[in-house]
């Protein structure tokens, strides 16, 4: 998946053929970072704020190829990552 900054979308890419397999519209225009759920079924896409409009994180269902939720984020979200909860890393 890649972000299409200023196109208000992300593209799913076939890594072997290097072709776009789907384009998914996002809730905000300036998309920036992508992180994936540990099971690979969801993508979290950060979008920058523009003026008074806050930034956001869109939750994208990669199987259904659609946005299933949006979280408003104050400030300027750019990069994003998924951290393991302390309970899953204890004893390692």
N, C-alpha and C. Protein backbone atom coordinates (compact mmCIF):
# COMPACT_ATOMS: atom_id res chain seq x y z
N UNK A 1 0.84 -1.16 0.00
CA UNK A 1 0.00 0.00 0.00
C UNK A 1 0.89 1.23 0.00
N UNK A 2 0.47 2.24 -0.76
CA UNK A 2 1.17 3.52 -0.78
C UNK A 2 0.14 4.64 -0.63
N UNK A 3 0.59 5.77 -0.06
CA UNK A 3 -0.29 6.92 0.06
C UNK A 3 -0.17 7.78 -1.19
N UNK A 4 -1.28 8.36 -1.57
CA UNK A 4 -1.30 9.28 -2.70
C UNK A 4 -1.53 10.68 -2.13
N UNK A 5 -0.44 11.28 -1.68
CA UNK A 5 -0.50 12.57 -1.01
C UNK A 5 -1.16 13.60 -1.91
N UNK A 6 -2.11 14.30 -1.37
CA UNK A 6 -2.91 15.32 -2.05
C UNK A 6 -3.94 14.75 -3.02
N UNK A 7 -4.05 13.43 -3.15
CA UNK A 7 -5.07 12.82 -4.00
C UNK A 7 -6.19 12.23 -3.16
N UNK A 8 -6.07 12.33 -1.85
CA UNK A 8 -7.06 11.83 -0.89
C UNK A 8 -7.36 10.35 -1.11
N UNK A 9 -6.26 9.56 -1.21
CA UNK A 9 -6.45 8.11 -1.40
C UNK A 9 -5.17 7.36 -1.06
N UNK A 10 -5.32 6.04 -1.00
CA UNK A 10 -4.19 5.13 -0.91
C UNK A 10 -4.36 4.09 -2.02
N UNK A 11 -3.26 3.51 -2.45
CA UNK A 11 -3.31 2.49 -3.49
C UNK A 11 -2.77 1.18 -2.96
N UNK A 12 -3.47 0.10 -3.25
CA UNK A 12 -2.94 -1.24 -2.99
C UNK A 12 -2.12 -1.63 -4.21
N UNK A 13 -0.92 -2.15 -3.96
CA UNK A 13 0.01 -2.45 -5.05
C UNK A 13 0.32 -3.95 -5.07
N UNK A 14 0.27 -4.54 -6.26
CA UNK A 14 0.72 -5.92 -6.45
C UNK A 14 2.24 -5.85 -6.50
N UNK A 15 2.90 -6.41 -5.50
CA UNK A 15 4.35 -6.30 -5.36
C UNK A 15 5.11 -7.07 -6.44
N UNK A 16 4.49 -8.06 -7.03
CA UNK A 16 5.16 -8.83 -8.09
C UNK A 16 5.04 -8.12 -9.43
N UNK A 17 3.83 -7.70 -9.78
CA UNK A 17 3.58 -7.05 -11.07
C UNK A 17 3.84 -5.55 -11.05
N UNK A 18 4.00 -4.98 -9.81
CA UNK A 18 4.18 -3.55 -9.64
C UNK A 18 3.06 -2.75 -10.30
N UNK A 19 1.83 -3.21 -10.07
CA UNK A 19 0.65 -2.53 -10.59
C UNK A 19 -0.32 -2.21 -9.46
N UNK A 20 -1.11 -1.19 -9.65
CA UNK A 20 -2.13 -0.82 -8.68
C UNK A 20 -3.31 -1.79 -8.82
N UNK A 21 -3.70 -2.39 -7.70
CA UNK A 21 -4.83 -3.32 -7.73
C UNK A 21 -6.11 -2.70 -7.20
N UNK A 22 -5.99 -1.64 -6.42
CA UNK A 22 -7.16 -0.93 -5.89
C UNK A 22 -6.74 0.45 -5.43
N UNK A 23 -7.68 1.39 -5.50
CA UNK A 23 -7.47 2.73 -4.95
C UNK A 23 -8.62 2.99 -3.98
N UNK A 24 -8.26 3.38 -2.75
CA UNK A 24 -9.26 3.57 -1.70
C UNK A 24 -9.23 5.03 -1.27
N UNK A 25 -10.37 5.69 -1.33
CA UNK A 25 -10.47 7.09 -0.90
C UNK A 25 -10.32 7.18 0.61
N UNK A 26 -9.67 8.25 1.06
CA UNK A 26 -9.49 8.49 2.49
C UNK A 26 -10.33 9.69 2.92
N UNK A 27 -10.45 9.89 4.24
CA UNK A 27 -11.30 10.96 4.75
C UNK A 27 -10.65 12.33 4.65
N UNK A 28 -9.35 12.38 4.52
CA UNK A 28 -8.62 13.65 4.45
C UNK A 28 -7.74 13.67 3.21
N UNK A 29 -7.35 14.87 2.81
CA UNK A 29 -6.61 15.03 1.56
C UNK A 29 -5.13 14.67 1.66
N UNK A 30 -4.45 15.09 2.72
CA UNK A 30 -2.99 14.94 2.76
C UNK A 30 -2.62 13.69 3.56
N UNK A 31 -2.74 12.53 2.92
CA UNK A 31 -2.41 11.26 3.56
C UNK A 31 -0.90 11.15 3.71
N UNK A 32 -0.47 10.43 4.76
CA UNK A 32 0.97 10.46 5.04
C UNK A 32 1.54 9.09 5.36
N UNK A 33 1.27 8.55 6.56
CA UNK A 33 1.91 7.31 7.00
C UNK A 33 0.95 6.14 7.01
N UNK A 34 1.51 4.92 7.01
CA UNK A 34 0.72 3.69 7.05
C UNK A 34 1.33 2.73 8.07
N UNK A 35 0.47 2.10 8.85
CA UNK A 35 0.87 1.01 9.74
C UNK A 35 -0.17 -0.09 9.58
N UNK A 36 0.22 -1.32 9.89
CA UNK A 36 -0.68 -2.47 9.71
C UNK A 36 -0.94 -3.17 11.03
N UNK A 37 -2.15 -3.71 11.16
CA UNK A 37 -2.46 -4.51 12.35
C UNK A 37 -1.59 -5.76 12.32
N UNK A 38 -1.31 -6.35 13.50
CA UNK A 38 -0.45 -7.53 13.54
C UNK A 38 -0.94 -8.69 12.66
N UNK A 39 -2.25 -8.81 12.47
CA UNK A 39 -2.77 -9.91 11.63
C UNK A 39 -2.86 -9.52 10.15
N UNK A 40 -2.51 -8.28 9.80
CA UNK A 40 -2.47 -7.86 8.41
C UNK A 40 -3.83 -7.58 7.78
N UNK A 41 -4.88 -7.52 8.56
CA UNK A 41 -6.21 -7.30 7.98
C UNK A 41 -6.61 -5.83 7.93
N UNK A 42 -5.94 -5.00 8.73
CA UNK A 42 -6.28 -3.58 8.79
C UNK A 42 -5.05 -2.74 8.52
N UNK A 43 -5.27 -1.59 7.89
CA UNK A 43 -4.23 -0.59 7.72
C UNK A 43 -4.70 0.67 8.43
N UNK A 44 -3.76 1.37 9.06
CA UNK A 44 -4.04 2.63 9.74
C UNK A 44 -3.28 3.70 8.97
N UNK A 45 -4.01 4.68 8.43
CA UNK A 45 -3.41 5.69 7.57
C UNK A 45 -3.55 7.05 8.23
N UNK A 46 -2.41 7.70 8.50
CA UNK A 46 -2.45 9.03 9.09
C UNK A 46 -2.57 10.08 7.99
N UNK A 47 -3.31 11.15 8.32
CA UNK A 47 -3.47 12.28 7.41
C UNK A 47 -3.16 13.56 8.16
N UNK A 48 -2.43 14.45 7.52
CA UNK A 48 -2.03 15.70 8.14
C UNK A 48 -3.22 16.65 8.26
N UNK A 49 -3.13 17.55 9.25
CA UNK A 49 -4.14 18.60 9.36
C UNK A 49 -3.87 19.65 8.29
N UNK A 50 -4.93 20.36 7.93
CA UNK A 50 -4.81 21.46 6.97
C UNK A 50 -5.56 22.64 7.57
N UNK A 51 -4.83 23.70 7.93
CA UNK A 51 -5.46 24.86 8.56
C UNK A 51 -6.13 24.46 9.86
N UNK A 52 -7.41 24.81 10.01
CA UNK A 52 -8.16 24.49 11.24
C UNK A 52 -8.72 23.07 11.22
N UNK A 53 -8.65 22.40 10.08
CA UNK A 53 -9.15 21.03 9.96
C UNK A 53 -8.14 20.07 10.60
N UNK A 54 -8.54 19.31 11.65
CA UNK A 54 -7.57 18.44 12.33
C UNK A 54 -7.14 17.28 11.45
N UNK A 55 -6.02 16.69 11.82
CA UNK A 55 -5.56 15.49 11.15
C UNK A 55 -6.43 14.31 11.55
N UNK A 56 -6.11 13.13 11.03
CA UNK A 56 -6.91 11.95 11.36
C UNK A 56 -6.12 10.67 11.11
N UNK A 57 -6.69 9.58 11.58
CA UNK A 57 -6.22 8.25 11.24
C UNK A 57 -7.42 7.49 10.69
N UNK A 58 -7.33 7.03 9.46
CA UNK A 58 -8.36 6.18 8.87
C UNK A 58 -8.01 4.73 9.13
N UNK A 59 -9.01 3.92 9.46
CA UNK A 59 -8.83 2.49 9.63
C UNK A 59 -9.40 1.85 8.36
N UNK A 60 -8.56 1.11 7.65
CA UNK A 60 -8.97 0.52 6.37
C UNK A 60 -8.97 -1.00 6.47
N UNK A 61 -10.10 -1.58 6.11
CA UNK A 61 -10.25 -3.04 6.02
C UNK A 61 -9.61 -3.45 4.69
N UNK A 62 -8.50 -4.17 4.76
CA UNK A 62 -7.76 -4.53 3.54
C UNK A 62 -8.46 -5.61 2.73
N UNK A 63 -9.28 -6.44 3.36
CA UNK A 63 -10.04 -7.45 2.61
C UNK A 63 -11.21 -6.79 1.90
N UNK A 64 -11.97 -5.98 2.63
CA UNK A 64 -13.11 -5.28 2.05
C UNK A 64 -12.73 -4.07 1.22
N UNK A 65 -11.47 -3.64 1.36
CA UNK A 65 -10.94 -2.50 0.61
C UNK A 65 -11.78 -1.24 0.81
N UNK A 66 -12.02 -0.91 2.11
CA UNK A 66 -12.79 0.29 2.40
C UNK A 66 -12.42 0.83 3.78
N UNK A 67 -12.68 2.13 3.97
CA UNK A 67 -12.47 2.76 5.27
C UNK A 67 -13.60 2.30 6.19
N UNK A 68 -13.23 1.78 7.36
CA UNK A 68 -14.24 1.30 8.32
C UNK A 68 -14.29 2.17 9.57
N UNK A 69 -13.42 3.15 9.68
CA UNK A 69 -13.43 4.06 10.81
C UNK A 69 -12.45 5.19 10.61
N UNK A 70 -12.73 6.32 11.28
CA UNK A 70 -11.84 7.47 11.23
C UNK A 70 -11.74 8.06 12.62
N UNK A 71 -10.52 8.38 13.04
CA UNK A 71 -10.26 8.96 14.35
C UNK A 71 -9.63 10.33 14.13
N UNK A 72 -10.27 11.40 14.63
CA UNK A 72 -9.70 12.75 14.53
C UNK A 72 -8.50 12.84 15.47
N UNK A 73 -7.43 13.46 14.98
CA UNK A 73 -6.20 13.61 15.75
C UNK A 73 -5.82 15.10 15.75
N UNK A 74 -5.78 15.73 16.93
CA UNK A 74 -5.35 17.13 16.95
C UNK A 74 -3.87 17.23 16.60
N UNK A 75 -3.49 18.36 16.11
CA UNK A 75 -2.08 18.55 15.77
C UNK A 75 -1.78 18.07 14.37
N UNK A 76 -0.59 17.56 14.19
CA UNK A 76 -0.10 17.23 12.85
C UNK A 76 0.39 15.78 12.79
N UNK A 77 -0.53 14.80 12.73
CA UNK A 77 -0.05 13.41 12.65
C UNK A 77 0.62 13.14 11.31
N UNK A 78 1.77 12.54 11.36
CA UNK A 78 2.47 12.19 10.12
C UNK A 78 2.77 10.70 10.14
N UNK A 79 3.86 10.29 10.75
CA UNK A 79 4.18 8.87 10.83
C UNK A 79 3.24 8.15 11.80
N UNK A 80 3.18 6.85 11.68
CA UNK A 80 2.33 6.04 12.55
C UNK A 80 2.96 4.67 12.70
N UNK A 81 2.76 4.04 13.86
CA UNK A 81 3.27 2.69 14.10
C UNK A 81 2.31 1.94 15.01
N UNK A 82 2.40 0.65 15.02
CA UNK A 82 1.61 -0.20 15.90
C UNK A 82 2.57 -0.79 16.93
N UNK A 83 2.26 -0.60 18.19
CA UNK A 83 3.10 -1.15 19.27
C UNK A 83 2.39 -2.34 19.90
N UNK A 84 3.14 -3.32 20.28
CA UNK A 84 2.57 -4.46 21.00
C UNK A 84 2.19 -4.00 22.40
N UNK A 85 1.11 -4.56 22.91
CA UNK A 85 0.72 -4.23 24.28
C UNK A 85 1.71 -4.90 25.23
N UNK A 86 1.90 -4.34 26.42
CA UNK A 86 2.85 -4.92 27.39
C UNK A 86 2.52 -6.38 27.73
N UNK A 87 1.25 -6.73 27.71
CA UNK A 87 0.87 -8.11 28.06
C UNK A 87 1.36 -9.13 27.03
N UNK A 88 1.52 -8.71 25.77
CA UNK A 88 1.96 -9.65 24.75
C UNK A 88 3.48 -9.77 24.67
N UNK A 89 4.18 -8.82 25.30
CA UNK A 89 5.66 -8.86 25.23
C UNK A 89 6.27 -9.32 26.55
N UNK A 90 5.47 -9.49 27.59
CA UNK A 90 6.01 -9.89 28.89
C UNK A 90 6.66 -11.28 28.80
N UNK A 91 7.81 -11.41 29.39
CA UNK A 91 8.50 -12.70 29.43
C UNK A 91 9.30 -13.02 28.19
N UNK A 92 9.43 -12.10 27.29
CA UNK A 92 10.23 -12.36 26.08
C UNK A 92 11.62 -11.85 26.21
